[in-house]
Amino acid sequence: TRYFRQHVALDLSFQSESRWDDNQMSKYMTSLITGKAPSKIIVAHIETCMQNCIADSKDWEYYKKWSDQDFQWISIDGNNRTITIDEYLKGKVKLLHGDYCTPQGTVVISSKNDTYDTHPKILREFIEENVNLTVSEYIQASRSDLSEIFCNVNDGVKLNSQELRNARLVPFAEWVRD
C-alpha cells in the first residue's frame, strides 16, 4: 500500500480525503485480516484512460494533469481503506482484541500486541503471505464517468454533504475550488 499511496491520485473534486475514525479503521483492518472485508478498491488507470480519450479534449487534459504529476491511477473509491492499511503498517491502527486463527495456530490480540509492529511473528507472517486486497481498475472512463462510478459504488452509503457536492460535475466547480 505504500507504493499504492504514492502512485494513486486522490481527486478531491469528487470524494473526501479521509473520514474514518480510529474505531472504523480498527474494524476494517480486523475484517481484512480475518478475510471478511469484501469491498474492493476501485481505480482508473491514467495512461490508458488518457489514450482512450480524444487528444486535447477536456477528459484528455484531466488525465494529463495527473500523469504530469507522476500518478499512475486515480482513486475512484477506497481512499479510507488505503489510508487505513498504510497507517496500520506504520503501527498507528490497532486490531480489535480477540483470537486470530492462522495455519500455525491461534494468536490472542490484546492491548500488549494490537498494532502491526507488536504482533507476534506468526501473525505478521500470516498477514504478509495470505491477506489479499481486491483492486478493480478502469481503463476507459471520462472525468464524468469517475463521478458517476463513485456515486454508484456509494449508493446506499451515506455520503457527507461535501462528498455529495464534490461528486457532481458542474462547469464552475474547479474554478470555485481553485
N, C-alpha and C. Protein backbone atom coordinates (compact mmCIF):
# COMPACT_ATOMS: atom_id res chain seq x y z
N THR A 1 0.81 -1.21 0.00
CA THR A 1 0.00 0.00 0.00
C THR A 1 0.85 1.27 0.00
N ARG A 2 2.07 1.19 0.49
CA ARG A 2 2.90 2.40 0.46
C ARG A 2 3.14 2.82 -0.99
N TYR A 3 3.47 1.85 -1.83
CA TYR A 3 3.64 2.13 -3.26
C TYR A 3 2.33 2.66 -3.83
N PHE A 4 1.26 2.01 -3.46
CA PHE A 4 -0.06 2.37 -3.96
C PHE A 4 -0.38 3.83 -3.62
N ARG A 5 -0.17 4.22 -2.37
CA ARG A 5 -0.50 5.59 -1.96
C ARG A 5 0.35 6.63 -2.68
N GLN A 6 1.57 6.29 -3.03
CA GLN A 6 2.45 7.24 -3.73
C GLN A 6 2.06 7.39 -5.20
N HIS A 7 1.37 6.42 -5.76
CA HIS A 7 1.08 6.42 -7.19
C HIS A 7 -0.40 6.56 -7.53
N VAL A 8 -1.23 6.68 -6.52
CA VAL A 8 -2.67 6.82 -6.74
C VAL A 8 -3.10 8.23 -6.36
N ALA A 9 -3.61 8.95 -7.34
CA ALA A 9 -4.07 10.32 -7.11
C ALA A 9 -5.42 10.30 -6.42
N LEU A 10 -5.62 11.24 -5.55
CA LEU A 10 -6.92 11.42 -4.90
C LEU A 10 -7.50 12.73 -5.40
N ASP A 11 -8.52 12.63 -6.21
CA ASP A 11 -9.16 13.82 -6.76
C ASP A 11 -10.26 14.25 -5.79
N LEU A 12 -9.98 15.29 -5.04
CA LEU A 12 -10.93 15.77 -4.03
C LEU A 12 -12.12 16.48 -4.65
N SER A 13 -12.15 16.56 -5.97
CA SER A 13 -13.31 17.18 -6.60
C SER A 13 -14.50 16.22 -6.64
N PHE A 14 -14.30 14.94 -6.31
CA PHE A 14 -15.45 14.06 -6.24
C PHE A 14 -15.43 13.08 -5.07
N GLN A 15 -14.50 13.24 -4.16
CA GLN A 15 -14.53 12.44 -2.94
C GLN A 15 -13.77 13.14 -1.84
N SER A 16 -13.88 12.61 -0.62
CA SER A 16 -13.23 13.27 0.51
C SER A 16 -11.87 12.66 0.79
N GLU A 17 -11.05 13.41 1.49
CA GLU A 17 -9.69 12.98 1.79
C GLU A 17 -9.68 11.78 2.74
N SER A 18 -10.36 11.90 3.84
CA SER A 18 -10.42 10.81 4.81
C SER A 18 -11.48 11.15 5.83
N ARG A 19 -12.25 10.13 6.22
CA ARG A 19 -13.28 10.42 7.21
C ARG A 19 -13.52 9.30 8.21
N TRP A 20 -12.65 8.29 8.24
CA TRP A 20 -12.81 7.20 9.19
C TRP A 20 -12.16 7.55 10.52
N ASP A 21 -12.84 7.20 11.60
CA ASP A 21 -12.26 7.38 12.93
C ASP A 21 -11.47 6.12 13.30
N ASP A 22 -10.80 6.14 14.45
CA ASP A 22 -9.96 5.02 14.88
C ASP A 22 -10.73 3.71 14.95
N ASN A 23 -11.97 3.76 15.43
CA ASN A 23 -12.78 2.54 15.55
C ASN A 23 -13.09 1.95 14.18
N GLN A 24 -13.45 2.79 13.21
CA GLN A 24 -13.72 2.29 11.87
C GLN A 24 -12.46 1.69 11.24
N MET A 25 -11.32 2.32 11.50
CA MET A 25 -10.06 1.79 10.97
C MET A 25 -9.76 0.42 11.58
N SER A 26 -9.93 0.31 12.88
CA SER A 26 -9.69 -0.98 13.56
C SER A 26 -10.62 -2.07 13.04
N LYS A 27 -11.88 -1.73 12.85
CA LYS A 27 -12.83 -2.71 12.34
C LYS A 27 -12.47 -3.14 10.93
N TYR A 28 -12.06 -2.19 10.09
CA TYR A 28 -11.70 -2.55 8.73
C TYR A 28 -10.48 -3.48 8.70
N MET A 29 -9.43 -3.13 9.44
CA MET A 29 -8.22 -3.97 9.44
C MET A 29 -8.52 -5.36 9.99
N THR A 30 -9.33 -5.43 11.02
CA THR A 30 -9.71 -6.72 11.58
C THR A 30 -10.46 -7.54 10.53
N SER A 31 -11.39 -6.91 9.84
CA SER A 31 -12.16 -7.65 8.83
C SER A 31 -11.28 -8.06 7.65
N LEU A 32 -10.31 -7.23 7.29
CA LEU A 32 -9.40 -7.56 6.19
C LEU A 32 -8.54 -8.77 6.56
N ILE A 33 -8.00 -8.76 7.75
CA ILE A 33 -7.10 -9.84 8.19
C ILE A 33 -7.85 -11.15 8.39
N THR A 34 -9.10 -11.06 8.82
CA THR A 34 -9.89 -12.29 9.02
C THR A 34 -10.59 -12.74 7.74
N GLY A 35 -10.36 -12.03 6.64
CA GLY A 35 -10.95 -12.41 5.36
C GLY A 35 -12.41 -12.05 5.23
N LYS A 36 -12.85 -11.07 5.99
CA LYS A 36 -14.26 -10.67 5.98
C LYS A 36 -14.43 -9.21 5.56
N ALA A 37 -13.60 -8.78 4.60
CA ALA A 37 -13.68 -7.41 4.06
C ALA A 37 -13.83 -7.50 2.55
N PRO A 38 -15.05 -7.72 2.09
CA PRO A 38 -15.23 -7.96 0.66
C PRO A 38 -15.13 -6.72 -0.24
N SER A 39 -15.18 -5.54 0.33
CA SER A 39 -15.21 -4.35 -0.52
C SER A 39 -13.85 -4.11 -1.16
N LYS A 40 -13.89 -3.80 -2.43
CA LYS A 40 -12.67 -3.62 -3.20
C LYS A 40 -12.33 -2.15 -3.35
N ILE A 41 -11.10 -1.90 -3.72
CA ILE A 41 -10.65 -0.56 -4.05
C ILE A 41 -10.83 -0.40 -5.55
N ILE A 42 -11.32 0.74 -5.98
CA ILE A 42 -11.59 0.98 -7.40
C ILE A 42 -10.76 2.16 -7.87
N VAL A 43 -10.02 1.95 -8.96
CA VAL A 43 -9.15 2.99 -9.51
C VAL A 43 -9.35 3.09 -11.02
N ALA A 44 -8.89 4.19 -11.58
CA ALA A 44 -8.83 4.36 -13.03
C ALA A 44 -7.36 4.49 -13.41
N HIS A 45 -6.95 3.73 -14.42
CA HIS A 45 -5.57 3.78 -14.89
C HIS A 45 -5.41 5.00 -15.79
N ILE A 46 -4.58 5.93 -15.37
CA ILE A 46 -4.48 7.24 -16.01
C ILE A 46 -4.04 7.13 -17.47
N GLU A 47 -2.96 6.43 -17.75
CA GLU A 47 -2.43 6.37 -19.12
C GLU A 47 -3.42 5.78 -20.10
N THR A 48 -4.03 4.64 -19.72
CA THR A 48 -4.95 4.01 -20.68
C THR A 48 -6.23 4.82 -20.83
N CYS A 49 -6.69 5.42 -19.76
CA CYS A 49 -7.87 6.29 -19.89
C CYS A 49 -7.56 7.47 -20.80
N MET A 50 -6.37 8.03 -20.63
CA MET A 50 -5.95 9.17 -21.46
C MET A 50 -5.85 8.73 -22.92
N GLN A 51 -5.30 7.55 -23.18
CA GLN A 51 -5.18 7.04 -24.54
C GLN A 51 -6.54 6.79 -25.18
N ASN A 52 -7.54 6.50 -24.35
CA ASN A 52 -8.88 6.23 -24.86
C ASN A 52 -9.73 7.50 -24.98
N CYS A 53 -9.13 8.64 -24.72
CA CYS A 53 -9.82 9.93 -24.87
C CYS A 53 -9.40 10.58 -26.18
N ILE A 54 -10.20 11.49 -26.65
CA ILE A 54 -9.83 12.29 -27.82
C ILE A 54 -8.71 13.24 -27.39
N ALA A 55 -7.62 13.25 -28.15
CA ALA A 55 -6.47 14.09 -27.81
C ALA A 55 -6.90 15.55 -27.64
N ASP A 56 -6.37 16.16 -26.58
CA ASP A 56 -6.61 17.57 -26.25
C ASP A 56 -8.05 17.88 -25.82
N SER A 57 -8.87 16.86 -25.62
CA SER A 57 -10.22 17.10 -25.08
C SER A 57 -10.11 17.42 -23.59
N LYS A 58 -11.21 17.84 -22.98
CA LYS A 58 -11.19 18.13 -21.53
C LYS A 58 -10.85 16.87 -20.73
N ASP A 59 -11.38 15.73 -21.16
CA ASP A 59 -11.06 14.48 -20.46
C ASP A 59 -9.58 14.15 -20.60
N TRP A 60 -9.02 14.29 -21.79
CA TRP A 60 -7.61 14.04 -22.02
C TRP A 60 -6.77 14.98 -21.15
N GLU A 61 -7.12 16.26 -21.09
CA GLU A 61 -6.39 17.24 -20.27
C GLU A 61 -6.48 16.88 -18.79
N TYR A 62 -7.64 16.39 -18.37
CA TYR A 62 -7.82 15.97 -16.98
C TYR A 62 -6.81 14.88 -16.62
N TYR A 63 -6.75 13.83 -17.42
CA TYR A 63 -5.82 12.74 -17.16
C TYR A 63 -4.37 13.18 -17.31
N LYS A 64 -4.10 14.04 -18.26
CA LYS A 64 -2.75 14.55 -18.49
C LYS A 64 -2.23 15.29 -17.25
N LYS A 65 -3.11 16.06 -16.63
CA LYS A 65 -2.74 16.79 -15.41
C LYS A 65 -2.23 15.83 -14.33
N TRP A 66 -2.91 14.71 -14.17
CA TRP A 66 -2.49 13.73 -13.16
C TRP A 66 -1.24 12.98 -13.60
N SER A 67 -1.17 12.67 -14.88
CA SER A 67 0.01 11.98 -15.42
C SER A 67 1.26 12.84 -15.24
N ASP A 68 1.14 14.12 -15.47
CA ASP A 68 2.27 15.05 -15.31
C ASP A 68 2.77 15.12 -13.87
N GLN A 69 1.93 14.71 -12.93
CA GLN A 69 2.32 14.69 -11.51
C GLN A 69 2.84 13.31 -11.10
N ASP A 70 3.09 12.46 -12.09
CA ASP A 70 3.65 11.11 -11.88
C ASP A 70 2.72 10.14 -11.16
N PHE A 71 1.43 10.36 -11.26
CA PHE A 71 0.48 9.39 -10.73
C PHE A 71 0.17 8.36 -11.82
N GLN A 72 -0.11 7.13 -11.39
CA GLN A 72 -0.46 6.07 -12.33
C GLN A 72 -1.95 5.77 -12.34
N TRP A 73 -2.61 6.02 -11.22
CA TRP A 73 -4.03 5.76 -11.09
C TRP A 73 -4.72 6.93 -10.40
N ILE A 74 -6.02 6.98 -10.55
CA ILE A 74 -6.86 7.92 -9.79
C ILE A 74 -7.79 7.06 -8.95
N SER A 75 -7.86 7.36 -7.67
CA SER A 75 -8.76 6.63 -6.79
C SER A 75 -10.20 7.03 -7.10
N ILE A 76 -11.02 6.03 -7.34
CA ILE A 76 -12.45 6.28 -7.50
C ILE A 76 -13.15 5.97 -6.18
N ASP A 77 -12.77 4.86 -5.57
CA ASP A 77 -13.33 4.50 -4.28
C ASP A 77 -12.32 3.63 -3.54
N GLY A 78 -12.06 3.94 -2.27
CA GLY A 78 -11.15 3.14 -1.48
C GLY A 78 -10.09 3.94 -0.75
N ASN A 79 -10.21 5.25 -0.77
CA ASN A 79 -9.18 6.06 -0.13
C ASN A 79 -9.08 5.78 1.37
N ASN A 80 -10.22 5.69 2.07
CA ASN A 80 -10.17 5.40 3.51
C ASN A 80 -9.51 4.05 3.78
N ARG A 81 -9.79 3.07 2.93
CA ARG A 81 -9.19 1.74 3.11
C ARG A 81 -7.68 1.80 2.87
N THR A 82 -7.27 2.52 1.84
CA THR A 82 -5.84 2.63 1.53
C THR A 82 -5.09 3.33 2.67
N ILE A 83 -5.66 4.43 3.15
CA ILE A 83 -5.04 5.15 4.26
C ILE A 83 -4.97 4.26 5.50
N THR A 84 -6.04 3.52 5.77
CA THR A 84 -6.08 2.66 6.95
C THR A 84 -5.00 1.58 6.89
N ILE A 85 -4.85 0.94 5.75
CA ILE A 85 -3.82 -0.10 5.61
C ILE A 85 -2.44 0.50 5.83
N ASP A 86 -2.19 1.65 5.23
CA ASP A 86 -0.90 2.31 5.38
C ASP A 86 -0.63 2.68 6.84
N GLU A 87 -1.62 3.24 7.51
CA GLU A 87 -1.47 3.61 8.92
C GLU A 87 -1.29 2.37 9.80
N TYR A 88 -1.98 1.29 9.48
CA TYR A 88 -1.83 0.05 10.22
C TYR A 88 -0.40 -0.48 10.11
N LEU A 89 0.15 -0.48 8.89
CA LEU A 89 1.52 -0.96 8.70
C LEU A 89 2.54 -0.08 9.40
N LYS A 90 2.19 1.17 9.69
CA LYS A 90 3.06 2.08 10.43
C LYS A 90 2.86 1.94 11.94
N GLY A 91 1.97 1.03 12.37
CA GLY A 91 1.73 0.81 13.79
C GLY A 91 0.77 1.81 14.41
N LYS A 92 -0.03 2.49 13.60
CA LYS A 92 -0.93 3.54 14.11
C LYS A 92 -2.39 3.10 14.21
N VAL A 93 -2.72 1.91 13.72
CA VAL A 93 -4.08 1.38 13.79
C VAL A 93 -4.04 0.07 14.54
N LYS A 94 -4.95 -0.09 15.51
CA LYS A 94 -4.99 -1.29 16.33
C LYS A 94 -6.01 -2.28 15.80
N LEU A 95 -5.69 -3.57 15.93
CA LEU A 95 -6.66 -4.61 15.64
C LEU A 95 -7.61 -4.73 16.82
N LEU A 96 -8.83 -5.17 16.55
CA LEU A 96 -9.76 -5.46 17.64
C LEU A 96 -9.20 -6.62 18.45
N HIS A 97 -9.38 -6.58 19.74
CA HIS A 97 -8.84 -7.62 20.62
C HIS A 97 -9.64 -8.91 20.46
N GLY A 98 -8.94 -10.04 20.53
CA GLY A 98 -9.58 -11.34 20.40
C GLY A 98 -8.64 -12.36 19.81
N ASP A 99 -9.21 -13.50 19.43
CA ASP A 99 -8.43 -14.61 18.88
C ASP A 99 -8.40 -14.52 17.36
N TYR A 100 -7.20 -14.72 16.80
CA TYR A 100 -6.99 -14.72 15.35
C TYR A 100 -6.39 -16.08 14.98
N CYS A 101 -7.10 -16.81 14.12
CA CYS A 101 -6.64 -18.14 13.72
C CYS A 101 -5.74 -18.05 12.49
N THR A 102 -4.59 -18.68 12.58
CA THR A 102 -3.67 -18.79 11.45
C THR A 102 -3.37 -20.28 11.27
N PRO A 103 -2.84 -20.68 10.13
CA PRO A 103 -2.48 -22.09 9.95
C PRO A 103 -1.45 -22.57 10.98
N GLN A 104 -0.66 -21.65 11.54
CA GLN A 104 0.35 -22.02 12.53
C GLN A 104 -0.19 -22.00 13.96
N GLY A 105 -1.44 -21.62 14.13
CA GLY A 105 -2.02 -21.58 15.47
C GLY A 105 -2.81 -20.31 15.72
N THR A 106 -3.46 -20.27 16.86
CA THR A 106 -4.27 -19.13 17.24
C THR A 106 -3.42 -18.09 17.96
N VAL A 107 -3.63 -16.83 17.59
CA VAL A 107 -2.92 -15.72 18.22
C VAL A 107 -3.95 -14.89 18.98
N VAL A 108 -3.64 -14.57 20.22
CA VAL A 108 -4.52 -13.73 21.02
C VAL A 108 -4.01 -12.29 20.93
N ILE A 109 -4.89 -11.39 20.48
CA ILE A 109 -4.53 -9.97 20.38
C ILE A 109 -5.13 -9.24 21.56
N SER A 110 -4.29 -8.52 22.27
CA SER A 110 -4.71 -7.73 23.43
C SER A 110 -4.04 -6.36 23.33
N SER A 111 -4.18 -5.57 24.37
CA SER A 111 -3.57 -4.24 24.35
C SER A 111 -2.04 -4.29 24.28
N LYS A 112 -1.45 -5.45 24.55
CA LYS A 112 0.01 -5.59 24.51
C LYS A 112 0.55 -5.80 23.10
N ASN A 113 -0.32 -6.27 22.17
CA ASN A 113 0.19 -6.62 20.85
C ASN A 113 -0.82 -6.30 19.73
N ASP A 114 -1.56 -5.20 19.88
CA ASP A 114 -2.64 -4.92 18.93
C ASP A 114 -2.25 -4.06 17.73
N THR A 115 -1.00 -3.63 17.65
CA THR A 115 -0.54 -2.90 16.46
C THR A 115 0.41 -3.80 15.67
N TYR A 116 0.52 -3.50 14.39
CA TYR A 116 1.30 -4.37 13.49
C TYR A 116 2.71 -4.63 14.01
N ASP A 117 3.38 -3.59 14.47
CA ASP A 117 4.76 -3.76 14.91
C ASP A 117 4.89 -4.54 16.22
N THR A 118 3.78 -4.75 16.93
CA THR A 118 3.83 -5.53 18.17
C THR A 118 3.19 -6.92 18.03
N HIS A 119 2.65 -7.24 16.86
CA HIS A 119 2.04 -8.57 16.64
C HIS A 119 3.11 -9.66 16.75
N PRO A 120 2.68 -10.84 17.21
CA PRO A 120 3.60 -11.98 17.17
C PRO A 120 4.02 -12.25 15.72
N LYS A 121 5.21 -12.80 15.58
CA LYS A 121 5.77 -13.05 14.26
C LYS A 121 4.85 -13.89 13.38
N ILE A 122 4.19 -14.90 13.95
CA ILE A 122 3.34 -15.76 13.11
C ILE A 122 2.15 -14.99 12.53
N LEU A 123 1.65 -14.00 13.24
CA LEU A 123 0.54 -13.21 12.71
C LEU A 123 1.04 -12.27 11.61
N ARG A 124 2.18 -11.64 11.82
CA ARG A 124 2.74 -10.76 10.77
C ARG A 124 3.03 -11.57 9.51
N GLU A 125 3.61 -12.74 9.67
CA GLU A 125 3.89 -13.59 8.50
C GLU A 125 2.61 -14.01 7.80
N PHE A 126 1.59 -14.36 8.59
CA PHE A 126 0.30 -14.74 8.01
C PHE A 126 -0.28 -13.57 7.20
N ILE A 127 -0.21 -12.38 7.74
CA ILE A 127 -0.74 -11.19 7.06
C ILE A 127 0.02 -10.96 5.75
N GLU A 128 1.33 -11.00 5.82
CA GLU A 128 2.15 -10.73 4.63
C GLU A 128 1.93 -11.78 3.53
N GLU A 129 1.71 -13.02 3.91
CA GLU A 129 1.61 -14.09 2.93
C GLU A 129 0.18 -14.41 2.48
N ASN A 130 -0.82 -14.03 3.27
CA ASN A 130 -2.17 -14.50 2.98
C ASN A 130 -3.25 -13.44 2.82
N VAL A 131 -3.02 -12.25 3.32
CA VAL A 131 -4.07 -11.23 3.25
C VAL A 131 -4.01 -10.56 1.88
N ASN A 132 -5.13 -10.63 1.18
CA ASN A 132 -5.21 -10.06 -0.16
C ASN A 132 -6.25 -8.94 -0.20
N LEU A 133 -6.02 -8.02 -1.09
CA LEU A 133 -6.92 -6.90 -1.30
C LEU A 133 -7.31 -6.89 -2.77
N THR A 134 -8.58 -6.77 -3.04
CA THR A 134 -9.05 -6.73 -4.42
C THR A 134 -9.07 -5.29 -4.91
N VAL A 135 -8.49 -5.07 -6.09
CA VAL A 135 -8.49 -3.76 -6.72
C VAL A 135 -9.08 -3.91 -8.11
N SER A 136 -10.10 -3.12 -8.41
CA SER A 136 -10.67 -3.09 -9.76
C SER A 136 -10.13 -1.86 -10.47
N GLU A 137 -9.74 -2.07 -11.72
CA GLU A 137 -9.11 -0.99 -12.47
C GLU A 137 -9.92 -0.69 -13.74
N TYR A 138 -10.30 0.57 -13.89
CA TYR A 138 -10.96 1.02 -15.12
C TYR A 138 -9.88 1.51 -16.07
N ILE A 139 -10.04 1.16 -17.33
CA ILE A 139 -9.06 1.60 -18.33
C ILE A 139 -9.70 2.50 -19.38
N GLN A 140 -10.99 2.70 -19.26
CA GLN A 140 -11.68 3.62 -20.16
C GLN A 140 -12.78 4.31 -19.36
N ALA A 141 -12.58 5.59 -19.10
CA ALA A 141 -13.55 6.36 -18.34
C ALA A 141 -13.30 7.85 -18.56
N SER A 142 -14.36 8.59 -18.73
CA SER A 142 -14.24 10.05 -18.82
C SER A 142 -14.20 10.61 -17.40
N ARG A 143 -13.94 11.88 -17.28
CA ARG A 143 -13.97 12.51 -15.94
C ARG A 143 -15.36 12.39 -15.35
N SER A 144 -16.37 12.58 -16.16
CA SER A 144 -17.75 12.45 -15.71
C SER A 144 -18.04 11.02 -15.25
N ASP A 145 -17.49 10.04 -15.96
CA ASP A 145 -17.66 8.64 -15.56
C ASP A 145 -17.12 8.39 -14.16
N LEU A 146 -15.98 9.01 -13.82
CA LEU A 146 -15.40 8.81 -12.48
C LEU A 146 -16.38 9.24 -11.40
N SER A 147 -17.02 10.39 -11.59
CA SER A 147 -18.02 10.85 -10.61
C SER A 147 -19.20 9.89 -10.54
N GLU A 148 -19.66 9.45 -11.69
CA GLU A 148 -20.80 8.54 -11.72
C GLU A 148 -20.47 7.21 -11.06
N ILE A 149 -19.28 6.68 -11.33
CA ILE A 149 -18.87 5.42 -10.70
C ILE A 149 -18.80 5.59 -9.19
N PHE A 150 -18.20 6.71 -8.73
CA PHE A 150 -18.10 6.98 -7.29
C PHE A 150 -19.49 6.99 -6.66
N CYS A 151 -20.43 7.69 -7.28
CA CYS A 151 -21.79 7.77 -6.73
C CYS A 151 -22.47 6.40 -6.75
N ASN A 152 -22.31 5.65 -7.83
CA ASN A 152 -22.94 4.33 -7.92
C ASN A 152 -22.37 3.35 -6.90
N VAL A 153 -21.06 3.37 -6.71
CA VAL A 153 -20.43 2.48 -5.75
C VAL A 153 -20.90 2.81 -4.34
N ASN A 154 -21.12 4.08 -4.08
CA ASN A 154 -21.51 4.52 -2.74
C ASN A 154 -23.02 4.67 -2.58
N ASP A 155 -23.78 4.20 -3.55
CA ASP A 155 -25.24 4.23 -3.45
C ASP A 155 -25.64 3.37 -2.26
N GLY A 156 -26.40 3.93 -1.36
CA GLY A 156 -26.78 3.21 -0.15
C GLY A 156 -25.85 3.48 1.01
N VAL A 157 -24.71 4.12 0.75
CA VAL A 157 -23.78 4.52 1.81
C VAL A 157 -23.97 6.01 2.01
N LYS A 158 -24.18 6.41 3.23
CA LYS A 158 -24.42 7.82 3.49
C LYS A 158 -23.14 8.62 3.25
N LEU A 159 -23.17 9.43 2.21
CA LEU A 159 -22.05 10.33 1.92
C LEU A 159 -22.28 11.62 2.69
N ASN A 160 -21.18 12.26 3.09
CA ASN A 160 -21.35 13.54 3.77
C ASN A 160 -21.66 14.62 2.72
N SER A 161 -22.08 15.78 3.18
CA SER A 161 -22.51 16.85 2.28
C SER A 161 -21.42 17.25 1.29
N GLN A 162 -20.19 17.33 1.76
CA GLN A 162 -19.10 17.72 0.87
C GLN A 162 -18.89 16.68 -0.23
N GLU A 163 -18.96 15.40 0.12
CA GLU A 163 -18.80 14.35 -0.90
C GLU A 163 -19.92 14.42 -1.93
N LEU A 164 -21.13 14.67 -1.47
CA LEU A 164 -22.25 14.79 -2.41
C LEU A 164 -22.06 15.98 -3.35
N ARG A 165 -21.62 17.11 -2.80
CA ARG A 165 -21.37 18.28 -3.65
C ARG A 165 -20.22 18.02 -4.60
N ASN A 166 -19.14 17.42 -4.10
CA ASN A 166 -17.97 17.18 -4.93
C ASN A 166 -18.25 16.21 -6.07
N ALA A 167 -19.12 15.24 -5.83
CA ALA A 167 -19.37 14.20 -6.83
C ALA A 167 -20.09 14.73 -8.07
N ARG A 168 -20.77 15.84 -7.95
CA ARG A 168 -21.49 16.40 -9.09
C ARG A 168 -20.55 17.25 -9.92
N LEU A 169 -20.44 16.90 -11.17
CA LEU A 169 -19.56 17.61 -12.09
C LEU A 169 -20.32 18.80 -12.66
N VAL A 170 -19.92 19.98 -12.23
CA VAL A 170 -20.55 21.21 -12.74
C VAL A 170 -19.46 22.10 -13.33
N PRO A 171 -19.80 22.92 -14.33
CA PRO A 171 -18.78 23.68 -15.05
C PRO A 171 -17.91 24.60 -14.19
N PHE A 172 -18.47 25.18 -13.14
CA PHE A 172 -17.71 26.15 -12.36
C PHE A 172 -17.07 25.57 -11.10
N ALA A 173 -17.21 24.26 -10.86
CA ALA A 173 -16.71 23.66 -9.62
C ALA A 173 -15.21 23.81 -9.47
N GLU A 174 -14.46 23.52 -10.52
CA GLU A 174 -12.99 23.62 -10.43
C GLU A 174 -12.57 25.07 -10.16
N TRP A 175 -13.25 26.00 -10.80
CA TRP A 175 -12.94 27.42 -10.59
C TRP A 175 -13.14 27.80 -9.11
N VAL A 176 -14.25 27.32 -8.51
CA VAL A 176 -14.53 27.61 -7.11
C VAL A 176 -13.45 27.00 -6.21
N ARG A 177 -13.08 25.72 -6.48
CA ARG A 177 -12.05 25.07 -5.65
C ARG A 177 -10.71 25.79 -5.78
N ASP A 178 -10.37 26.25 -7.00
CA ASP A 178 -9.11 26.97 -7.19
C ASP A 178 -9.13 28.28 -6.47
